[in-house]
């Protein structure tokens, strides 16, 4: 069992970001607010506007 654990530890590359090392989003940083909140909302809004515009052309 210990050898399996050691084998799994060798699979994690050193010096790269791993899922267990991620930090929560800091909402006091304006860049993170723009990237994680404002941009997704704008993308969704523009998608629905684009879809509505194209639906009108097809008829």
PDB file of N, CA and C in Angstrom:
ATOM      1  N   UNK A   1       0.823  -1.190   0.000  1.00  0.00           N
ATOM      2  CA  UNK A   1       0.000   0.000   0.000  1.00  0.00           C
ATOM      3  C   UNK A   1       0.872   1.260   0.000  1.00  0.00           C
ATOM      4  N   UNK A   2       1.968   1.204   0.723  1.00  0.00           N
ATOM      5  CA  UNK A   2       2.865   2.356   0.780  1.00  0.00           C
ATOM      6  C   UNK A   2       3.516   2.605  -0.578  1.00  0.00           C
ATOM      7  N   UNK A   3       3.797   1.555  -1.319  1.00  0.00           N
ATOM      8  CA  UNK A   3       4.411   1.728  -2.633  1.00  0.00           C
ATOM      9  C   UNK A   3       3.426   2.378  -3.614  1.00  0.00           C
ATOM     10  N   UNK A   4       2.142   2.081  -3.495  1.00  0.00           N
ATOM     11  CA  UNK A   4       1.130   2.718  -4.350  1.00  0.00           C
ATOM     12  C   UNK A   4       1.050   4.208  -4.032  1.00  0.00           C
ATOM     13  N   UNK A   5       1.123   4.549  -2.758  1.00  0.00           N
ATOM     14  CA  UNK A   5       1.085   5.949  -2.343  1.00  0.00           C
ATOM     15  C   UNK A   5       2.290   6.694  -2.900  1.00  0.00           C
ATOM     16  N   UNK A   6       3.462   6.111  -2.823  1.00  0.00           N
ATOM     17  CA  UNK A   6       4.668   6.741  -3.366  1.00  0.00           C
ATOM     18  C   UNK A   6       4.566   6.898  -4.881  1.00  0.00           C
ATOM     19  N   UNK A   7       3.986   5.909  -5.546  1.00  0.00           N
ATOM     20  CA  UNK A   7       3.809   5.993  -6.988  1.00  0.00           C
ATOM     21  C   UNK A   7       2.876   7.149  -7.348  1.00  0.00           C
ATOM     22  N   UNK A   8       1.814   7.330  -6.566  1.00  0.00           N
ATOM     23  CA  UNK A   8       0.885   8.433  -6.830  1.00  0.00           C
ATOM     24  C   UNK A   8       1.531   9.790  -6.568  1.00  0.00           C
ATOM     25  N   UNK A   9       2.394   9.882  -5.571  1.00  0.00           N
ATOM     26  CA  UNK A   9       3.072  11.144  -5.293  1.00  0.00           C
ATOM     27  C   UNK A   9       4.039  11.519  -6.400  1.00  0.00           C
ATOM     28  N   UNK A  10       4.625  10.536  -7.040  1.00  0.00           N
ATOM     29  CA  UNK A  10       5.557  10.851  -8.120  1.00  0.00           C
ATOM     30  C   UNK A  10       4.828  11.346  -9.363  1.00  0.00           C
ATOM     31  N   UNK A  11       3.514  11.168  -9.442  1.00  0.00           N
ATOM     32  CA  UNK A  11       2.742  11.609 -10.592  1.00  0.00           C
ATOM     33  C   UNK A  11       2.482  13.111 -10.573  1.00  0.00           C
ATOM     34  N   UNK A  12       2.570  13.739  -9.400  1.00  0.00           N
ATOM     35  CA  UNK A  12       2.311  15.168  -9.287  1.00  0.00           C
ATOM     36  C   UNK A  12       3.571  15.933  -9.676  1.00  0.00           C
ATOM     37  N   UNK A  13       3.519  16.742 -10.742  1.00  0.00           N
ATOM     38  CA  UNK A  13       4.714  17.482 -11.154  1.00  0.00           C
ATOM     39  C   UNK A  13       5.040  18.583 -10.148  1.00  0.00           C
ATOM     40  N   UNK A  14       6.299  18.800  -9.927  1.00  0.00           N
ATOM     41  CA  UNK A  14       6.754  19.833  -8.991  1.00  0.00           C
ATOM     42  C   UNK A  14       6.773  21.189  -9.699  1.00  0.00           C
ATOM     43  N   UNK A  15       6.411  22.235  -8.993  1.00  0.00           N
ATOM     44  CA  UNK A  15       6.483  23.584  -9.526  1.00  0.00           C
ATOM     45  C   UNK A  15       5.341  23.976 -10.442  1.00  0.00           C
ATOM     46  N   UNK A  16       4.302  23.168 -10.565  1.00  0.00           N
ATOM     47  CA  UNK A  16       3.143  23.517 -11.379  1.00  0.00           C
ATOM     48  C   UNK A  16       1.930  23.658 -10.472  1.00  0.00           C
ATOM     49  N   UNK A  17       0.954  24.473 -10.851  1.00  0.00           N
ATOM     50  CA  UNK A  17      -0.236  24.606 -10.021  1.00  0.00           C
ATOM     51  C   UNK A  17      -1.052  23.318 -10.032  1.00  0.00           C
ATOM     52  N   UNK A  18      -1.428  22.864  -8.872  1.00  0.00           N
ATOM     53  CA  UNK A  18      -2.227  21.654  -8.718  1.00  0.00           C
ATOM     54  C   UNK A  18      -3.573  22.028  -8.119  1.00  0.00           C
ATOM     55  N   UNK A  19      -4.615  21.244  -8.353  1.00  0.00           N
ATOM     56  CA  UNK A  19      -5.942  21.586  -7.841  1.00  0.00           C
ATOM     57  C   UNK A  19      -5.993  21.757  -6.324  1.00  0.00           C
ATOM     58  N   UNK A  20      -5.211  21.019  -5.593  1.00  0.00           N
ATOM     59  CA  UNK A  20      -5.227  21.123  -4.137  1.00  0.00           C
ATOM     60  C   UNK A  20      -4.570  22.373  -3.613  1.00  0.00           C
ATOM     61  N   UNK A  21      -3.819  23.054  -4.447  1.00  0.00           N
ATOM     62  CA  UNK A  21      -3.090  24.251  -4.018  1.00  0.00           C
ATOM     63  C   UNK A  21      -3.806  25.543  -4.387  1.00  0.00           C
ATOM     64  N   UNK A  22      -4.987  25.462  -4.979  1.00  0.00           N
ATOM     65  CA  UNK A  22      -5.685  26.667  -5.424  1.00  0.00           C
ATOM     66  C   UNK A  22      -6.231  27.444  -4.239  1.00  0.00           C
ATOM     67  N   UNK A  23      -6.302  28.748  -4.421  1.00  0.00           N
ATOM     68  CA  UNK A  23      -6.798  29.641  -3.369  1.00  0.00           C
ATOM     69  C   UNK A  23      -8.182  30.140  -3.756  1.00  0.00           C
ATOM     70  N   UNK A  24      -8.996  30.548  -2.801  1.00  0.00           N
ATOM     71  CA  UNK A  24     -10.309  31.100  -3.149  1.00  0.00           C
ATOM     72  C   UNK A  24     -10.167  32.442  -3.879  1.00  0.00           C
ATOM     73  N   UNK A  25     -11.231  32.827  -4.566  1.00  0.00           N
ATOM     74  CA  UNK A  25     -11.225  34.081  -5.320  1.00  0.00           C
ATOM     75  C   UNK A  25     -11.218  35.253  -4.349  1.00  0.00           C
ATOM     76  N   UNK A  26     -10.321  36.203  -4.601  1.00  0.00           N
ATOM     77  CA  UNK A  26     -10.211  37.408  -3.779  1.00  0.00           C
ATOM     78  C   UNK A  26     -11.015  38.514  -4.453  1.00  0.00           C
ATOM     79  N   UNK A  27     -12.189  38.825  -3.902  1.00  0.00           N
ATOM     80  CA  UNK A  27     -13.065  39.811  -4.520  1.00  0.00           C
ATOM     81  C   UNK A  27     -12.602  41.245  -4.302  1.00  0.00           C
ATOM     82  N   UNK A  28     -11.563  41.449  -3.525  1.00  0.00           N
ATOM     83  CA  UNK A  28     -11.031  42.802  -3.365  1.00  0.00           C
ATOM     84  C   UNK A  28     -10.079  43.159  -4.506  1.00  0.00           C
ATOM     85  N   UNK A  29      -9.692  42.174  -5.310  1.00  0.00           N
ATOM     86  CA  UNK A  29      -8.823  42.406  -6.460  1.00  0.00           C
ATOM     87  C   UNK A  29      -9.698  42.696  -7.682  1.00  0.00           C
ATOM     88  N   UNK A  30      -9.604  43.878  -8.272  1.00  0.00           N
ATOM     89  CA  UNK A  30     -10.471  44.230  -9.404  1.00  0.00           C
ATOM     90  C   UNK A  30     -10.310  43.298 -10.606  1.00  0.00           C
ATOM     91  N   UNK A  31      -9.107  42.811 -10.856  1.00  0.00           N
ATOM     92  CA  UNK A  31      -8.882  41.905 -11.983  1.00  0.00           C
ATOM     93  C   UNK A  31      -9.710  40.634 -11.836  1.00  0.00           C
ATOM     94  N   UNK A  32      -9.739  40.065 -10.655  1.00  0.00           N
ATOM     95  CA  UNK A  32     -10.495  38.832 -10.436  1.00  0.00           C
ATOM     96  C   UNK A  32     -11.990  39.071 -10.525  1.00  0.00           C
ATOM     97  N   UNK A  33     -12.459  40.223 -10.089  1.00  0.00           N
ATOM     98  CA  UNK A  33     -13.883  40.554 -10.207  1.00  0.00           C
ATOM     99  C   UNK A  33     -14.267  40.656 -11.682  1.00  0.00           C
ATOM    100  N   UNK A  34     -13.417  41.304 -12.471  1.00  0.00           N
ATOM    101  CA  UNK A  34     -13.705  41.444 -13.899  1.00  0.00           C
ATOM    102  C   UNK A  34     -13.693  40.085 -14.582  1.00  0.00           C
ATOM    103  N   UNK A  35     -12.678  39.278 -14.319  1.00  0.00           N
ATOM    104  CA  UNK A  35     -12.520  37.999 -15.020  1.00  0.00           C
ATOM    105  C   UNK A  35     -13.568  36.978 -14.608  1.00  0.00           C
ATOM    106  N   UNK A  36     -13.886  36.892 -13.329  1.00  0.00           N
ATOM    107  CA  UNK A  36     -14.755  35.826 -12.851  1.00  0.00           C
ATOM    108  C   UNK A  36     -16.221  36.211 -12.706  1.00  0.00           C
ATOM    109  N   UNK A  37     -16.549  37.497 -12.773  1.00  0.00           N
ATOM    110  CA  UNK A  37     -17.956  37.902 -12.614  1.00  0.00           C
ATOM    111  C   UNK A  37     -18.444  38.677 -13.842  1.00  0.00           C
ATOM    112  N   UNK A  38     -17.770  39.753 -14.191  1.00  0.00           N
ATOM    113  CA  UNK A  38     -18.272  40.638 -15.241  1.00  0.00           C
ATOM    114  C   UNK A  38     -18.163  39.997 -16.622  1.00  0.00           C
ATOM    115  N   UNK A  39     -17.012  39.416 -16.967  1.00  0.00           N
ATOM    116  CA  UNK A  39     -16.848  38.819 -18.293  1.00  0.00           C
ATOM    117  C   UNK A  39     -17.818  37.666 -18.559  1.00  0.00           C
ATOM    118  N   UNK A  40     -18.016  36.738 -17.633  1.00  0.00           N
ATOM    119  CA  UNK A  40     -19.008  35.683 -17.912  1.00  0.00           C
ATOM    120  C   UNK A  40     -20.419  36.231 -18.125  1.00  0.00           C
ATOM    121  N   UNK A  41     -20.812  37.246 -17.362  1.00  0.00           N
ATOM    122  CA  UNK A  41     -22.134  37.839 -17.532  1.00  0.00           C
ATOM    123  C   UNK A  41     -22.247  38.495 -18.909  1.00  0.00           C
ATOM    124  N   UNK A  42     -21.198  39.206 -19.328  1.00  0.00           N
ATOM    125  CA  UNK A  42     -21.216  39.836 -20.649  1.00  0.00           C
ATOM    126  C   UNK A  42     -21.249  38.798 -21.768  1.00  0.00           C
ATOM    127  N   UNK A  43     -20.510  37.724 -21.627  1.00  0.00           N
ATOM    128  CA  UNK A  43     -20.505  36.680 -22.651  1.00  0.00           C
ATOM    129  C   UNK A  43     -21.892  36.064 -22.794  1.00  0.00           C
ATOM    130  N   UNK A  44     -22.545  35.779 -21.679  1.00  0.00           N
ATOM    131  CA  UNK A  44     -23.888  35.195 -21.725  1.00  0.00           C
ATOM    132  C   UNK A  44     -24.880  36.183 -22.337  1.00  0.00           C
ATOM    133  N   UNK A  45     -24.793  37.448 -21.956  1.00  0.00           N
ATOM    134  CA  UNK A  45     -25.707  38.459 -22.495  1.00  0.00           C
ATOM    135  C   UNK A  45     -25.522  38.630 -23.998  1.00  0.00           C
ATOM    136  N   UNK A  46     -24.271  38.712 -24.450  1.00  0.00           N
ATOM    137  CA  UNK A  46     -24.012  38.850 -25.889  1.00  0.00           C
ATOM    138  C   UNK A  46     -24.433  37.607 -26.659  1.00  0.00           C
ATOM    139  N   UNK A  47     -24.327  36.445 -26.057  1.00  0.00           N
ATOM    140  CA  UNK A  47     -24.773  35.218 -26.724  1.00  0.00           C
ATOM    141  C   UNK A  47     -26.279  35.268 -26.962  1.00  0.00           C
ATOM    142  N   UNK A  48     -27.046  35.650 -25.944  1.00  0.00           N
ATOM    143  CA  UNK A  48     -28.493  35.713 -26.120  1.00  0.00           C
ATOM    144  C   UNK A  48     -28.898  36.792 -27.112  1.00  0.00           C
ATOM    145  N   UNK A  49     -28.202  37.928 -27.112  1.00  0.00           N
ATOM    146  CA  UNK A  49     -28.496  38.970 -28.088  1.00  0.00           C
ATOM    147  C   UNK A  49     -28.167  38.497 -29.502  1.00  0.00           C
ATOM    148  N   UNK A  50     -27.039  37.828 -29.688  1.00  0.00           N
ATOM    149  CA  UNK A  50     -26.644  37.307 -30.983  1.00  0.00           C
ATOM    150  C   UNK A  50     -27.631  36.248 -31.476  1.00  0.00           C
ATOM    151  N   UNK A  51     -28.071  35.391 -30.551  1.00  0.00           N
ATOM    152  CA  UNK A  51     -29.029  34.345 -30.904  1.00  0.00           C
ATOM    153  C   UNK A  51     -30.377  34.946 -31.321  1.00  0.00           C
ATOM    154  N   UNK A  52     -30.812  35.965 -30.608  1.00  0.00           N
ATOM    155  CA  UNK A  52     -32.072  36.633 -30.947  1.00  0.00           C
ATOM    156  C   UNK A  52     -31.965  37.325 -32.297  1.00  0.00           C
ATOM    157  N   UNK A  53     -30.827  37.937 -32.576  1.00  0.00           N
ATOM    158  CA  UNK A  53     -30.616  38.617 -33.848  1.00  0.00           C
ATOM    159  C   UNK A  53     -30.613  37.613 -35.002  1.00  0.00           C
ATOM    160  N   UNK A  54     -29.954  36.494 -34.822  1.00  0.00           N
ATOM    161  CA  UNK A  54     -29.899  35.468 -35.881  1.00  0.00           C
ATOM    162  C   UNK A  54     -31.222  34.756 -36.061  1.00  0.00           C
ATOM    163  N   UNK A  55     -32.006  34.618 -35.031  1.00  0.00           N
ATOM    164  CA  UNK A  55     -33.304  33.970 -35.142  1.00  0.00           C
ATOM    165  C   UNK A  55     -34.226  34.812 -36.014  1.00  0.00           C
ATOM    166  N   UNK A  56     -34.117  36.130 -35.913  1.00  0.00           N
ATOM    167  CA  UNK A  56     -34.936  37.013 -36.727  1.00  0.00           C
ATOM    168  C   UNK A  56     -34.563  36.979 -38.205  1.00  0.00           C
ATOM    169  N   UNK A  57     -33.315  36.700 -38.519  1.00  0.00           N
ATOM    170  CA  UNK A  57     -32.877  36.636 -39.918  1.00  0.00           C
ATOM    171  C   UNK A  57     -33.346  35.365 -40.602  1.00  0.00           C
ATOM    172  N   UNK A  58     -33.484  34.276 -39.872  1.00  0.00           N
ATOM    173  CA  UNK A  58     -33.838  32.989 -40.467  1.00  0.00           C
ATOM    174  C   UNK A  58     -35.295  32.905 -40.884  1.00  0.00           C
ATOM    175  N   UNK A  59     -36.159  33.760 -40.408  1.00  0.00           N
ATOM    176  CA  UNK A  59     -37.588  33.678 -40.718  1.00  0.00           C
ATOM    177  C   UNK A  59     -37.930  34.388 -41.985  1.00  0.00           C
TER     178      UNK A  59
END
